[in-house]
Protein backbone atom coordinates (compact mmCIF):
# COMPACT_ATOMS: atom_id res chain seq x y z
CA MET A 1 -29.61 65.56 25.48
CA ALA A 2 -26.67 63.19 25.11
CA LYS A 3 -25.36 62.75 21.60
CA GLU A 4 -26.28 59.36 20.18
CA LYS A 5 -23.21 57.18 19.89
CA LYS A 6 -22.50 56.06 16.37
CA LYS A 7 -22.75 52.36 15.75
CA PRO A 8 -19.34 51.01 14.72
CA ARG A 9 -19.11 49.66 11.19
CA PRO A 10 -18.82 45.88 10.93
CA LYS A 11 -15.39 44.55 10.00
CA ALA A 12 -15.16 43.28 6.44
CA GLU A 13 -13.40 39.99 7.21
CA THR A 14 -14.16 36.30 6.86
CA PRO A 15 -14.81 34.41 10.10
CA LYS A 16 -11.85 32.52 11.50
CA GLY A 17 -11.43 29.15 9.83
CA PHE A 18 -13.46 30.05 6.74
CA ARG A 19 -12.50 31.42 3.34
CA ASP A 20 -14.03 32.87 0.19
CA TYR A 21 -13.75 31.23 -3.23
CA PHE A 22 -13.61 33.36 -6.37
CA GLY A 23 -14.48 32.73 -10.03
CA ALA A 24 -11.59 30.59 -11.28
CA GLU A 25 -11.52 28.45 -8.11
CA VAL A 26 -15.26 27.84 -8.23
CA ALA A 27 -15.18 27.05 -11.95
CA GLN A 28 -12.27 24.62 -11.58
CA ARG A 29 -13.92 22.83 -8.68
CA LYS A 30 -17.19 22.51 -10.60
CA GLU A 31 -15.37 21.17 -13.67
CA MET A 32 -13.57 18.57 -11.55
CA LEU A 33 -16.75 17.55 -9.70
CA ASP A 34 -18.58 17.20 -13.03
CA LYS A 35 -15.90 14.76 -14.21
CA ILE A 36 -16.15 12.79 -10.96
CA ALA A 37 -19.95 12.71 -11.19
CA ALA A 38 -19.70 11.39 -14.75
CA VAL A 39 -17.62 8.41 -13.56
CA TYR A 40 -19.98 7.72 -10.64
CA HIS A 41 -22.96 7.92 -12.97
CA LEU A 42 -21.25 5.53 -15.38
CA TYR A 43 -20.98 3.01 -12.52
CA GLY A 44 -24.71 3.28 -11.84
CA PHE A 45 -24.62 5.53 -8.78
CA GLU A 46 -27.42 8.09 -8.31
CA ALA A 47 -27.02 11.62 -7.00
CA LEU A 48 -28.38 12.54 -3.58
CA GLU A 49 -28.60 16.06 -2.23
CA SER A 50 -29.57 15.97 1.43
CA SER A 51 -30.13 18.81 3.86
CA ALA A 52 -27.10 20.69 5.18
CA VAL A 53 -28.82 20.71 8.59
CA GLU A 54 -29.54 17.58 10.63
CA THR A 55 -30.71 16.98 14.15
CA VAL A 56 -27.82 16.48 16.54
CA GLU A 57 -29.31 13.11 17.44
CA ALA A 58 -29.27 12.00 13.79
CA LEU A 59 -25.65 13.07 13.41
CA GLY A 60 -24.72 10.88 16.36
CA LYS A 61 -23.63 13.79 18.54
CA PHE A 62 -24.94 14.07 22.07
CA LEU A 63 -25.28 16.93 24.50
CA PRO A 64 -22.66 17.08 27.27
CA ASP A 65 -24.33 20.18 28.76
CA VAL A 66 -27.06 22.66 27.96
CA ASP A 67 -24.70 25.42 26.87
CA ARG A 68 -22.65 23.58 24.27
CA PRO A 69 -24.24 20.78 22.22
CA ASN A 70 -20.91 19.22 21.32
CA GLU A 71 -17.44 20.12 20.23
CA GLY A 72 -16.93 19.36 16.58
CA VAL A 73 -20.31 20.57 15.26
CA PHE A 74 -21.96 23.95 14.77
CA ALA A 75 -25.26 23.50 16.60
CA TRP A 76 -28.15 25.54 17.97
CA GLN A 77 -31.35 24.83 19.87
CA GLU A 78 -34.67 25.25 18.13
CA ASP A 79 -37.64 26.08 20.37
CA ASP A 80 -40.84 25.04 18.62
CA ALA A 81 -44.07 25.29 20.59
CA LYS A 82 -45.51 22.27 18.80
CA GLN A 83 -42.40 20.14 18.37
CA GLY A 84 -40.62 21.03 21.59
CA GLN A 85 -36.93 21.83 21.94
CA ASP A 86 -34.55 20.19 19.54
CA TRP A 87 -30.86 20.62 18.81
CA LEU A 88 -29.94 21.12 15.14
CA ALA A 89 -26.47 21.15 13.60
CA LEU A 90 -24.68 21.66 10.31
CA ARG A 91 -23.59 18.31 8.89
CA TYR A 92 -19.95 17.44 9.63
CA ASP A 93 -19.72 14.83 6.84
CA LEU A 94 -21.91 13.29 4.13
CA THR A 95 -22.14 9.80 5.65
CA ALA A 96 -24.26 10.57 8.72
CA PRO A 97 -26.96 12.22 6.57
CA LEU A 98 -26.92 9.14 4.30
CA ALA A 99 -27.70 6.95 7.32
CA ARG A 100 -30.70 9.09 8.18
CA VAL A 101 -31.94 9.29 4.57
CA TYR A 102 -31.68 5.52 4.07
CA ALA A 103 -33.37 4.67 7.37
CA GLN A 104 -36.16 7.16 6.65
CA ASN A 105 -36.78 6.06 3.05
CA ARG A 106 -35.61 2.44 3.03
CA ASN A 107 -39.02 1.10 1.96
CA ASP A 108 -38.94 3.26 -1.17
CA LEU A 109 -35.27 2.93 -2.06
CA PRO A 110 -33.75 0.02 -4.01
CA THR A 111 -31.52 -2.41 -2.15
CA PRO A 112 -28.61 -2.09 -2.55
CA TYR A 113 -28.85 1.70 -2.67
CA ARG A 114 -25.98 3.31 -4.58
CA ARG A 115 -25.62 7.05 -4.14
CA TYR A 116 -23.06 9.81 -4.54
CA ALA A 117 -23.12 13.22 -2.87
CA MET A 118 -21.03 16.36 -3.18
CA GLY A 119 -21.10 19.49 -1.09
CA PRO A 120 -19.74 21.51 1.83
CA VAL A 121 -19.46 20.15 5.37
CA TRP A 122 -18.73 22.05 8.58
CA ARG A 123 -16.62 21.16 11.61
CA ASN A 124 -16.37 23.27 14.73
CA GLU A 125 -12.67 22.62 15.26
CA LYS A 126 -9.64 24.78 15.83
CA PRO A 127 -8.51 26.04 12.43
CA GLY A 128 -4.90 25.98 11.30
CA PRO A 129 -2.76 26.25 8.16
CA GLY A 130 -4.71 24.52 5.38
CA ARG A 131 -7.34 23.39 7.90
CA PHE A 132 -10.72 25.08 7.53
CA ARG A 133 -14.04 24.81 9.31
CA GLN A 134 -15.89 24.53 6.01
CA PHE A 135 -14.67 22.33 3.18
CA TYR A 136 -15.98 20.21 0.32
CA GLN A 137 -16.42 16.46 0.29
CA CYS A 138 -17.33 14.11 -2.54
CA ASP A 139 -18.68 10.71 -1.45
CA ALA A 140 -19.94 7.52 -3.07
CA ASP A 141 -21.52 4.70 -1.03
CA THR A 142 -23.30 1.42 -1.53
CA VAL A 143 -25.78 0.58 1.24
CA GLY A 144 -27.26 -2.89 1.67
CA ALA A 145 -24.57 -4.96 -0.11
CA GLY A 146 -22.69 -7.38 2.15
CA SER A 147 -20.49 -8.76 -0.63
CA VAL A 148 -16.93 -7.43 -0.91
CA ALA A 149 -17.66 -7.14 -4.63
CA ALA A 150 -19.06 -3.74 -3.59
CA ASP A 151 -15.68 -2.84 -2.05
CA ALA A 152 -13.83 -3.96 -5.18
CA GLU A 153 -16.14 -1.82 -7.29
CA ILE A 154 -15.48 1.26 -5.14
CA CYS A 155 -11.71 0.73 -5.53
CA ALA A 156 -11.99 0.38 -9.32
CA MET A 157 -14.24 3.43 -9.51
CA LEU A 158 -11.77 5.43 -7.42
CA ALA A 159 -8.93 4.56 -9.81
CA ASP A 160 -11.06 5.53 -12.81
CA THR A 161 -12.04 8.79 -11.11
CA LEU A 162 -8.46 9.86 -10.51
CA GLU A 163 -7.57 9.22 -14.14
CA ALA A 164 -10.71 11.03 -15.34
CA VAL A 165 -9.78 14.25 -13.55
CA GLY A 166 -6.21 14.20 -14.88
CA ILE A 167 -4.05 12.11 -12.50
CA GLU A 168 -2.03 9.87 -14.77
CA ARG A 169 -1.46 6.18 -14.15
CA GLY A 170 1.81 5.87 -12.26
CA ASP A 171 1.11 9.03 -10.25
CA TYR A 172 -1.37 7.35 -7.92
CA VAL A 173 -2.06 4.10 -6.12
CA VAL A 174 -5.19 2.84 -4.35
CA ARG A 175 -4.06 0.96 -1.24
CA VAL A 176 -6.30 -1.68 0.36
CA ASN A 177 -6.21 -3.35 3.76
CA ASN A 178 -8.72 -5.08 6.04
CA ARG A 179 -9.61 -4.47 9.67
CA LYS A 180 -10.08 -8.22 10.20
CA VAL A 181 -6.54 -9.00 8.99
CA LEU A 182 -5.10 -6.44 11.38
CA ASN A 183 -7.17 -7.92 14.21
CA GLY A 184 -5.77 -11.33 13.30
CA VAL A 185 -2.21 -9.99 13.48
CA MET A 186 -2.96 -8.39 16.85
CA GLU A 187 -4.35 -11.70 18.05
CA VAL A 188 -1.28 -13.64 16.90
CA ALA A 189 0.96 -10.99 18.48
CA GLY A 190 -0.84 -11.45 21.80
CA ILE A 191 -2.35 -7.96 22.11
CA LEU A 192 -5.95 -8.83 21.21
CA ASP A 193 -8.06 -11.25 23.21
CA PRO A 194 -11.23 -12.11 21.21
CA SER A 195 -13.01 -12.99 24.46
CA ASP A 196 -12.18 -9.59 25.98
CA PRO A 197 -11.69 -6.90 23.28
CA SER A 198 -11.08 -4.18 25.90
CA LYS A 199 -7.93 -5.94 27.09
CA PHE A 200 -4.66 -4.45 25.71
CA GLU A 201 -6.69 -1.56 24.23
CA ALA A 202 -4.02 1.02 25.08
CA GLU A 203 -1.25 -1.07 23.52
CA ARG A 204 -3.26 -1.58 20.32
CA GLY A 205 -3.84 2.16 20.06
CA ILE A 206 -0.10 2.83 20.21
CA VAL A 207 0.57 0.11 17.63
CA LEU A 208 -1.99 1.58 15.21
CA ARG A 209 -0.58 5.08 15.57
CA ALA A 210 2.94 3.73 15.08
CA ILE A 211 2.01 1.92 11.85
CA ASP A 212 0.29 5.06 10.58
CA LYS A 213 3.60 6.94 10.95
CA LEU A 214 5.60 4.50 8.81
CA ASP A 215 6.09 6.97 5.95
CA ARG A 216 7.41 9.64 8.31
CA LEU A 217 9.38 7.55 10.84
CA GLY A 218 10.58 4.63 8.73
CA VAL A 219 10.82 0.99 9.79
CA GLU A 220 13.15 1.58 12.73
CA GLY A 221 11.05 4.42 14.09
CA VAL A 222 7.95 2.24 14.05
CA ARG A 223 9.86 -0.65 15.65
CA ALA A 224 10.94 1.68 18.47
CA LEU A 225 7.33 2.70 19.13
CA LEU A 226 6.28 -0.95 19.26
CA GLY A 227 8.87 -1.41 22.00
CA GLU A 228 9.83 1.02 24.76
CA GLY A 229 9.37 4.18 22.70
CA ARG A 230 11.44 6.72 20.81
CA GLU A 231 12.95 10.15 21.22
CA ASP A 232 12.42 12.57 18.36
CA GLU A 233 14.79 15.23 17.03
CA SER A 234 13.57 17.80 19.56
CA GLY A 235 14.28 15.48 22.47
CA ASP A 236 10.63 14.66 23.23
CA PHE A 237 10.06 11.04 24.20
CA ALA A 238 7.04 9.12 22.91
CA LYS A 239 6.10 6.13 25.03
CA GLY A 240 5.89 2.86 23.10
CA ALA A 241 3.52 -0.09 23.29
CA GLY A 242 6.04 -2.09 25.34
CA LEU A 243 5.82 -5.22 23.19
CA PRO A 244 8.48 -7.91 23.64
CA GLU A 245 10.74 -8.39 20.65
CA ASP A 246 8.97 -11.49 19.36
CA GLN A 247 5.56 -9.79 19.46
CA ALA A 248 6.90 -6.64 17.81
CA GLU A 249 8.49 -8.77 15.08
CA ILE A 250 5.07 -10.22 14.16
CA VAL A 251 3.70 -6.72 13.62
CA MET A 252 6.77 -5.73 11.59
CA VAL A 253 6.50 -8.82 9.35
CA PHE A 254 2.85 -7.95 8.76
CA LEU A 255 3.71 -4.34 8.02
CA SER A 256 6.50 -5.24 5.60
CA ALA A 257 4.76 -8.14 3.84
CA ARG A 258 4.44 -6.35 0.53
CA ASP A 259 7.98 -5.00 0.44
CA ASN A 260 9.40 -8.35 1.54
CA ILE A 261 7.72 -10.30 -1.24
CA ARG A 262 8.86 -7.72 -3.81
CA SER A 263 12.45 -7.97 -2.54
CA LYS A 264 12.32 -11.77 -2.72
CA TRP A 265 11.04 -11.73 -6.29
CA GLU A 266 13.67 -9.19 -7.33
CA ARG A 267 16.42 -11.22 -5.65
CA ASP A 268 15.78 -14.73 -6.87
CA GLY A 269 13.01 -14.41 -9.47
CA ASN A 270 10.85 -16.81 -7.46
CA ILE A 271 7.29 -15.65 -7.86
CA SER A 272 5.55 -18.80 -6.65
CA LEU A 273 2.81 -18.39 -4.11
CA ARG A 274 2.93 -20.07 -0.72
CA PRO A 275 2.62 -23.86 -1.16
CA GLY A 276 -1.00 -24.86 -0.92
CA PHE A 277 -2.19 -21.26 -1.03
CA ALA A 278 -5.74 -21.41 -2.29
CA LYS A 279 -8.91 -19.41 -2.29
CA SER A 280 -10.52 -22.41 -0.60
CA ASP A 281 -8.35 -21.71 2.46
CA PHE A 282 -10.51 -18.67 3.09
CA LEU A 283 -13.83 -18.99 1.33
CA GLY A 284 -14.60 -22.68 1.66
CA GLY A 285 -14.57 -23.09 -2.11
CA THR A 286 -12.67 -25.35 -4.42
CA HIS A 287 -10.98 -22.80 -6.70
CA PHE A 288 -7.20 -22.84 -6.26
CA LEU A 289 -5.58 -19.49 -6.94
CA ASP A 290 -2.37 -21.31 -7.95
CA SER A 291 -4.11 -23.11 -10.79
CA LYS A 292 -5.90 -20.04 -12.07
CA PHE A 293 -2.67 -18.07 -12.36
CA ALA A 294 -0.38 -21.01 -13.14
CA THR A 295 -0.04 -20.20 -16.83
CA ARG A 296 0.68 -16.54 -16.21
CA LEU A 297 3.11 -17.34 -13.42
CA LYS A 298 5.04 -19.71 -15.69
CA GLU A 299 5.18 -17.18 -18.53
CA ILE A 300 6.40 -14.43 -16.23
CA ARG A 301 8.86 -16.77 -14.54
CA ASP A 302 10.35 -17.57 -17.95
CA SER A 303 10.32 -14.18 -19.64
CA GLY A 304 8.22 -11.75 -17.66
CA THR A 305 9.22 -8.15 -17.06
CA PHE A 306 9.50 -6.41 -13.71
CA GLU A 307 6.26 -4.54 -14.47
CA GLU A 308 4.41 -7.82 -15.05
CA ARG A 309 5.68 -9.23 -11.77
CA GLU A 310 4.56 -6.06 -10.01
CA LYS A 311 0.98 -6.72 -11.13
CA LEU A 312 0.98 -10.07 -9.31
CA LEU A 313 2.25 -8.59 -6.05
CA ASN A 314 -1.25 -8.49 -4.53
CA PHE A 315 -1.46 -12.28 -4.51
CA GLY A 316 2.11 -12.63 -3.27
CA THR A 317 1.35 -10.24 -0.41
CA ILE A 318 -1.80 -12.17 0.53
CA SER A 319 0.16 -15.42 0.43
CA THR A 320 2.76 -13.99 2.82
CA LEU A 321 0.08 -12.71 5.20
CA ALA A 322 -1.60 -16.13 5.17
CA SER A 323 1.52 -17.66 6.72
CA LEU A 324 1.38 -15.03 9.45
CA VAL A 325 -2.28 -15.16 10.55
CA GLU A 326 -3.28 -18.74 9.70
CA SER A 327 -3.93 -19.46 13.40
CA SER A 328 -6.48 -16.61 13.63
CA GLU A 329 -10.02 -17.25 12.41
CA VAL A 330 -10.81 -13.55 12.01
CA GLY A 331 -7.47 -12.92 10.30
CA MET A 332 -8.09 -15.65 7.72
CA ALA A 333 -11.61 -14.33 7.15
CA GLY A 334 -10.12 -10.94 6.39
CA LEU A 335 -7.59 -12.48 3.99
CA GLY A 336 -10.47 -14.21 2.25
CA GLU A 337 -12.07 -10.83 1.65
CA LEU A 338 -8.81 -9.34 0.39
CA THR A 339 -8.29 -12.33 -1.90
CA GLU A 340 -11.75 -11.94 -3.40
CA ILE A 341 -11.21 -8.19 -3.89
CA ALA A 342 -7.86 -8.78 -5.61
CA ASP A 343 -9.40 -11.55 -7.72
CA LEU A 344 -12.33 -9.41 -8.84
CA LEU A 345 -10.12 -6.42 -9.61
CA ALA A 346 -7.60 -8.52 -11.58
CA ALA A 347 -10.46 -9.93 -13.68
CA GLN A 348 -11.28 -6.34 -14.72
CA GLY A 349 -7.67 -5.37 -15.37
CA TYR A 350 -7.08 -3.52 -12.09
CA GLU A 351 -3.93 -5.15 -10.78
CA ALA A 352 -1.13 -4.12 -8.45
CA ASP A 353 0.10 -1.41 -10.80
CA ARG A 354 -2.96 0.61 -9.74
CA ILE A 355 -4.64 -1.04 -6.75
CA VAL A 356 -2.42 -2.72 -4.15
CA ILE A 357 -2.95 -4.87 -1.08
CA ASP A 358 -0.99 -2.92 1.53
CA PRO A 359 -0.95 -3.93 5.22
CA SER A 360 0.40 -0.50 6.24
CA VAL A 361 -2.99 1.15 5.64
CA VAL A 362 -4.44 1.64 9.12
CA ARG A 363 -6.03 5.09 9.00
CA GLY A 364 -9.70 4.73 9.88
CA LEU A 365 -9.41 1.11 10.97
CA GLY A 366 -10.85 2.08 14.36
CA TYR A 367 -14.06 3.02 12.52
CA TYR A 368 -14.28 0.57 9.64
CA THR A 369 -15.39 -3.04 10.10
CA GLY A 370 -13.76 -4.74 7.10
CA PRO A 371 -11.92 -3.61 3.97
CA VAL A 372 -10.40 -0.12 4.09
CA TYR A 373 -8.80 1.78 1.24
CA GLU A 374 -7.14 5.08 0.48
CA ALA A 375 -5.94 6.78 -2.69
CA GLU A 376 -2.41 8.13 -2.47
CA LEU A 377 -0.71 10.36 -5.01
CA THR A 378 2.89 9.23 -5.42
CA PHE A 379 4.49 12.17 -7.22
CA GLU A 380 6.76 14.56 -5.35
CA ILE A 381 6.17 18.21 -4.44
CA LYS A 382 8.03 20.75 -2.32
CA ASP A 383 6.49 21.88 0.97
CA GLU A 384 6.49 25.43 2.32
CA LYS A 385 10.06 24.95 3.55
CA GLY A 386 11.30 23.70 0.17
CA ARG A 387 11.61 20.08 1.30
CA VAL A 388 10.70 17.31 -1.16
CA ARG A 389 7.59 15.41 -0.10
CA GLN A 390 5.17 12.95 -1.67
CA PHE A 391 1.78 14.56 -2.18
CA GLY A 392 0.00 11.90 -0.10
CA SER A 393 -3.60 10.83 0.40
CA VAL A 394 -6.55 12.46 -1.40
CA ALA A 395 -9.32 9.94 -0.66
CA GLY A 396 -10.23 7.25 1.83
CA GLY A 397 -13.02 4.88 2.70
CA GLY A 398 -14.00 1.39 3.66
CA ARG A 399 -16.72 -0.90 4.93
CA TYR A 400 -18.82 0.21 7.89
CA ASP A 401 -21.67 -2.16 8.60
CA ASP A 402 -23.22 -0.19 11.48
CA LEU A 403 -24.39 2.65 9.22
CA VAL A 404 -28.15 2.45 9.78
CA LYS A 405 -28.24 0.35 12.95
CA ARG A 406 -28.60 3.40 15.22
CA PHE A 407 -31.92 4.23 13.54
CA THR A 408 -33.45 0.80 12.88
CA GLY A 409 -31.70 -1.54 15.30
CA GLN A 410 -30.83 -3.76 12.35
CA GLU A 411 -27.34 -4.11 10.92
CA VAL A 412 -27.15 -2.84 7.34
CA PRO A 413 -23.92 -3.48 5.40
CA ALA A 414 -22.39 -0.48 3.66
CA THR A 415 -19.17 0.60 2.03
CA GLY A 416 -18.04 3.89 0.56
CA VAL A 417 -15.32 6.41 -0.20
CA SER A 418 -14.82 10.11 0.39
CA ILE A 419 -12.62 12.33 -1.79
CA GLY A 420 -10.96 15.41 -0.34
CA VAL A 421 -11.97 17.92 -3.00
CA ASP A 422 -9.57 20.70 -2.01
CA ARG A 423 -6.59 18.34 -1.82
CA LEU A 424 -7.39 16.81 -5.20
CA LEU A 425 -7.66 20.29 -6.72
CA ALA A 426 -4.30 21.20 -5.19
CA ALA A 427 -2.83 18.04 -6.72
CA LEU A 428 -4.12 18.95 -10.17
CA HIS A 429 -2.55 22.38 -9.82
CA ALA A 430 0.75 20.79 -8.73
CA LYS A 431 0.71 18.58 -11.83
CA GLY A 432 -0.09 21.53 -14.09
CA ARG A 433 -3.48 20.07 -15.04
CA LEU A 434 -5.24 23.33 -14.16
CA SER A 435 -4.30 26.88 -15.05
CA LYS A 436 -4.22 29.31 -12.16
CA ASP A 437 -6.40 31.78 -14.07
CA ALA A 438 -9.47 30.69 -15.97
CA VAL A 439 -10.06 32.41 -19.31
CA GLY A 440 -12.55 35.24 -18.89
CA PRO A 441 -15.22 36.55 -21.28
CA VAL A 442 -14.71 38.47 -24.51
CA ILE A 443 -15.14 42.17 -23.67
CA VAL A 444 -17.03 44.47 -26.03
CA THR A 445 -15.78 47.96 -25.23
CA VAL A 446 -17.94 51.07 -25.36
CA MET A 447 -16.60 53.86 -27.56
CA ASP A 448 -19.93 55.66 -28.00
CA ARG A 449 -22.70 55.50 -25.37
CA ASP A 450 -25.32 56.23 -28.03
CA ARG A 451 -24.41 52.97 -29.77
CA MET A 452 -25.06 50.70 -26.73
CA ALA A 453 -27.77 48.79 -28.64
CA GLU A 454 -25.23 47.78 -31.31
CA TYR A 455 -22.75 46.64 -28.64
CA GLN A 456 -25.49 44.53 -27.04
CA THR A 457 -26.23 43.04 -30.47
CA MET A 458 -22.56 41.99 -30.74
CA VAL A 459 -22.56 40.14 -27.41
CA ALA A 460 -25.90 38.52 -28.26
CA GLU A 461 -24.38 37.14 -31.48
CA LEU A 462 -21.32 35.86 -29.59
CA ARG A 463 -23.43 34.24 -26.86
CA THR A 464 -25.67 32.60 -29.46
CA ALA A 465 -22.51 31.06 -30.89
CA GLY A 466 -21.60 29.73 -27.43
CA ILE A 467 -18.88 32.33 -26.81
CA ARG A 468 -18.78 33.88 -23.36
CA ALA A 469 -19.03 37.67 -23.76
CA GLU A 470 -20.08 40.87 -22.04
CA VAL A 471 -20.37 44.59 -22.71
CA TYR A 472 -18.35 46.93 -20.50
CA LEU A 473 -20.91 48.47 -18.13
CA GLY A 474 -18.66 50.83 -16.20
CA ASN A 475 -17.97 54.47 -17.00
CA PRO A 476 -16.69 54.39 -20.62
CA LYS A 477 -15.14 57.85 -20.50
CA ASN A 478 -11.58 56.54 -20.00
CA PHE A 479 -10.85 53.83 -22.58
CA GLY A 480 -7.71 52.77 -20.68
CA ASN A 481 -9.89 51.78 -17.73
CA GLN A 482 -11.88 49.50 -20.01
CA LEU A 483 -8.72 47.64 -21.03
CA LYS A 484 -7.63 47.44 -17.38
CA TYR A 485 -11.01 45.90 -16.59
CA ALA A 486 -10.55 43.39 -19.40
CA ASP A 487 -7.13 42.52 -18.00
CA LYS A 488 -8.55 41.92 -14.51
CA ARG A 489 -11.24 39.69 -16.02
CA ASN A 490 -8.50 37.74 -17.84
CA ALA A 491 -10.37 38.43 -21.08
CA PRO A 492 -8.77 36.85 -24.17
CA VAL A 493 -10.15 39.43 -26.61
CA ALA A 494 -11.47 43.00 -26.60
CA ILE A 495 -13.73 44.27 -29.39
CA ILE A 496 -13.56 47.93 -30.33
CA GLU A 497 -16.02 49.77 -32.57
CA GLY A 498 -16.20 53.55 -32.72
CA SER A 499 -18.23 55.70 -35.11
CA ASP A 500 -15.47 55.50 -37.75
CA GLU A 501 -15.44 51.66 -37.68
CA ALA A 502 -19.26 51.59 -37.73
CA GLU A 503 -19.39 53.76 -40.87
CA ARG A 504 -16.90 51.47 -42.63
CA GLY A 505 -18.63 48.27 -41.45
CA VAL A 506 -15.62 46.94 -39.53
CA VAL A 507 -14.53 46.26 -35.93
CA GLN A 508 -11.15 46.21 -34.24
CA ILE A 509 -10.23 42.93 -32.51
CA LYS A 510 -7.55 43.19 -29.82
CA ASP A 511 -5.86 39.90 -28.84
CA LEU A 512 -5.14 40.60 -25.18
CA ILE A 513 -3.29 37.32 -24.51
CA LEU A 514 -0.96 37.77 -27.50
CA GLY A 515 -0.54 41.44 -26.63
CA ALA A 516 0.60 40.57 -23.11
CA LYS A 517 3.13 38.04 -24.44
CA ILE A 518 4.52 40.49 -27.01
CA ALA A 519 4.82 43.22 -24.37
CA GLN A 520 6.83 40.88 -22.12
CA THR A 521 9.28 39.34 -24.59
CA ALA A 522 9.24 40.88 -28.05
CA THR A 523 11.66 43.43 -29.50
CA LEU A 524 10.31 46.56 -31.20
CA GLU A 525 10.67 44.93 -34.65
CA GLU A 526 8.87 41.77 -33.47
CA TRP A 527 6.15 43.89 -31.91
CA LYS A 528 5.58 45.66 -35.21
CA GLY A 529 5.62 42.36 -37.08
CA GLN A 530 3.08 40.68 -34.80
CA PRO A 531 0.35 43.22 -34.14
CA ALA A 532 -2.03 42.14 -31.39
CA GLN A 533 -4.86 44.22 -32.87
CA ARG A 534 -6.40 43.89 -36.29
CA GLU A 535 -9.42 45.04 -38.26
CA VAL A 536 -12.08 42.65 -39.57
CA ALA A 537 -15.42 43.02 -41.33
CA ARG A 538 -18.35 43.38 -38.94
CA GLY A 539 -20.06 40.37 -40.53
CA ASP A 540 -17.01 38.19 -39.82
CA LEU A 541 -16.85 39.07 -36.11
CA VAL A 542 -18.15 35.80 -34.67
CA ALA A 543 -16.11 33.60 -37.05
CA GLU A 544 -12.89 35.51 -36.32
CA ILE A 545 -13.40 35.37 -32.54
CA ARG A 546 -14.13 31.63 -32.75
CA LYS A 547 -10.94 31.10 -34.76
CA MET A 548 -8.86 33.01 -32.21
CA LEU A 549 -10.31 31.16 -29.21
CA ASP A 550 -9.86 27.75 -30.85
CA ALA A 551 -6.23 28.43 -31.82
């Protein structure tokens, strides 16, 4: 009889593109998400926890063949005798499930419906450095509100959220643009025909990608891509959009509108808006922006600081853009929306020192239908090669009015934002807002197995007082191993009570954090003068531990 072949042991390794998260990472993420949720709740948003699994049809993915439902999602076919065959998939974002939930429950939900959601999403894509197939998202959306007041609110809430988690004012900026304004610029530049949107589609794609690379390529690099193209440092040639110089110049003026108005104000101190610039130009109203801000403009013109002028840059940028797209109906409609957003934000104190109108924001404009915004962290870090870089974007969103239309056939306005949880956590680490190691529990060591009940009484008293604590449950034979365990748990304190201490009614308290510092830096005399272990009365245990942890 042939000897049965042994089954090979499974490899203990995470699947490619996935990773494990341990105690401190999980705790820090939860703490950050709790702070974000508190801001969202303050703004009146309600939590929604939807299923991690959706039908492929609900996600908007379709089946190219029977063997592979679609690249980009993890999907499988369910064979139900009653329901028939159906393809299911792990959600790839939190927006598609929102569309399904709203369409399914719209008769029971308030309109507008304001919800936030947090959780993992999965994408069946090729993994790479810092790019995983499972990651966390944190979204907030308003469904059923057509007014751009909803967009302004999302921008304000995003600014408040960043500050709540520990990103200081001056280290971030929320940048706002509008798909309609960009379409107006494309129309004026001659690469968008409203009667035939498919015309010049390839050229517009190159223009969008070029604008998106402004931070990396600079003005001249973008200009080259608007024209014949550019050759990079490696010698590779990227084909440009082929725009004539006059058409390319229109795009460049649009792209540089904010910087140009700032330079003008710095140069000659002239902070007047374009003559005749008024909200009525866009919204059909009678309120003139010039008159509303006339007093402030005069004060700043006479004695205002650079910082005060910076706050008014949003309206100067809009004024400049108005001169550029005034012949485009869709462009002026978009400027009307930007004007109202800036107006509403300024009324609440969110001006251009925190939230800026920035024409260079194009990421996602192929998807969004109106205002688009992203949160960018402006402080510098060093990359893996030691080069200085700005941290970059940690959140993005905008208005997408086709959210529920696939399910109901009716257009439902919606706007929302998504925060990249892992990137925001990395930013907080880079700013020193989070310690790499979370403080562990107080460890009660075991000197005598027969006294385990007393040790459990100690941890019960500590836990009742709200102090995280545990009894060492390994083999207590080697006391050194207990202290090594406490060190691995990053425990701040170890409690020691043998039979001698028990008879005298005392315990030994070992300050592990102080002990580690003394061991690293102190001389022998200092070490003797600052003992990291001391004896206290058993009845004072909880009070002494509380005092040490609060110090």
